[in-house]
Amino acid sequence: MPNFERLNKFKKIHMIGIGGVSMSGIAEILNNFGFEVSGSNNVESEATQKLRNSGINVFIGHDAKNITNPDIVVYSAAIKQDNVEIIAAKEKNIPIIERADFLGELTRCYKDTITIAGTHGKSTTTSMVSLCFLEALKDPSIQVGADIRNINGNYKIGNSEYFIIEACEYVESFLKFSPKSDIILNIDNDHLDYFKNFENIKNAFIKYVKLLPDDGLLVVNGDDSNCLELPNYTKATCRTYGINNKNTDFFAVNIVFDNDGFPEFDVYSKSNFYGRIKLSIPGMHNVLNSLATIALCDYYGIKYESIKNALAQFTGAVRRFEFKGKVNNASIYDDYGHHPTEIIATAKALMNKKYNKSWVVFQPHTYSRTKNLMDDFAKALLNFDNIIILDIYAAREKNTYGITSQDLADKICSLGKNALYIPDFNECVKYLKENVKENDIILTQGAGTVTEIGPMLLKENSESK
């Protein structure tokens, strides 16, 4: 059982933005262990309904009256300091704390917090590790940044000392945590609106590794030279994994793909045969994610059979190369990847499938990322036969960068491949409907509203029948 002694002075907890991916999971954990939880959210959602079903009082809309003298107010990063509930809490001298800081406090309530970090692949690998622990009956608490069908959501409450969470590097929020074990999947150029340069990103991961206790565990990607430097900064036990680098603790050979692009491969532990693994998700990048999972779970004494079964059962987190349906007998997939490295990994996974022509509908995410990585995005998108670019999804930014999606389309055209800039979603759906052919593959790609294109296509298809 986790020990909540350090939080016991906060019997009543109010959460602003309670419907968020991480906030909702925190709320459920607190509620389960006897805290009185309330919260507010700007919109009604599946998450808010689920919280209500658990007996949590959720207000829709923010109002000073929602602050009914809690012991502490937790707010998500999206909530600004001029929020009426934050102002009301300050007026009443109620302590306020940002989500990442509070989640850090929560990690200290568990004897064994396992964090999964890296620029790409966190949600998938956190899901894989979680399912292996569940298969081995270790009853962990889980928090993932995406929904997992196997647990019907993005969190699960367990009664053991294990807390498995995704750890995000953006604004260095993972430095608030107290991990016993870390997986670091990769270190790449991203979030430059915050980090400014790659050196600062690397330094954030170095600081993160230094949080590990001497009796902890660090698992790093042996195919990533930046990751291989990290063991120098900790006295924790270190394990490595790789595909290209065979001088690692766990590596994969004899990798083959079926018609769905799902890999099967032999795993070796040093020079000893560990076992053959079959995945139910596509892509070479997921072979690496599963090796990270095996390296960690083996350290925790989870047997090969449990790991093998869990990995075979995992059909992917929501919005990670997720099959949505068919239009004109062409398959539609939806993927969250919004960085050039992620787009290339998805394109490579796609190439292992059997299909006629590929279509990508890409929505760039944030102006800063689009400007800083313009050339890389253009080159990554060349991997598709047909390219459609939607407007940039602003997320947290204003366009002070003088950049547009037309610039990206023009860049791709300058590299010798046609790219269409179609800002209107209805126009995009109409164009796809009129042009995709049988056995083509359509991929909607990005972290914003591009996910709506697939359902719009399917609706259009059913209505035209």
Foldseek 3Di string as FASTA:
>chain_A
DFACVVVVLFQEEEEEQCQAQQNLLVQLQSVVVRGQYEYEHQDDDPSVVVSVVSVYHYHHRADCVSCPPGQEYEYEPVDDCPGNVNVSCVVVVRHYYYPLLVVQSVLVRAPAEEEEEEPDDQQVLLQLLVLLCVLLVVFEWEAGNFQFVVVGGRIDHGDHSYYGYYAYCAVLSNLSHQHLEYEYEEQDDDPCVPQVDSVSSLVSVLSNLLSHDLQGEYEYEPVYPSRVVNVVNHNYHYFYEYAVDLQGQKYWDPWAADQQQWIKTWIAGNPHTQGIATAQEHFPSVVSSLRSSCRVVVVVVRHPVSSRVSRRPGNDTPQCQAWDDDAQQATETGHADQALVSLLRVLRRVVSHDFDFEEEEEAHEAQVRCVVCLLSNLVSVVSGQAAEYEWHHHVPHDPPPPDTSVVSQVSNVVVPHHYHYDHDLVVVLVVCNVDDHNRYYYYYYHNDPSVVSSVVNVVVRVVVD
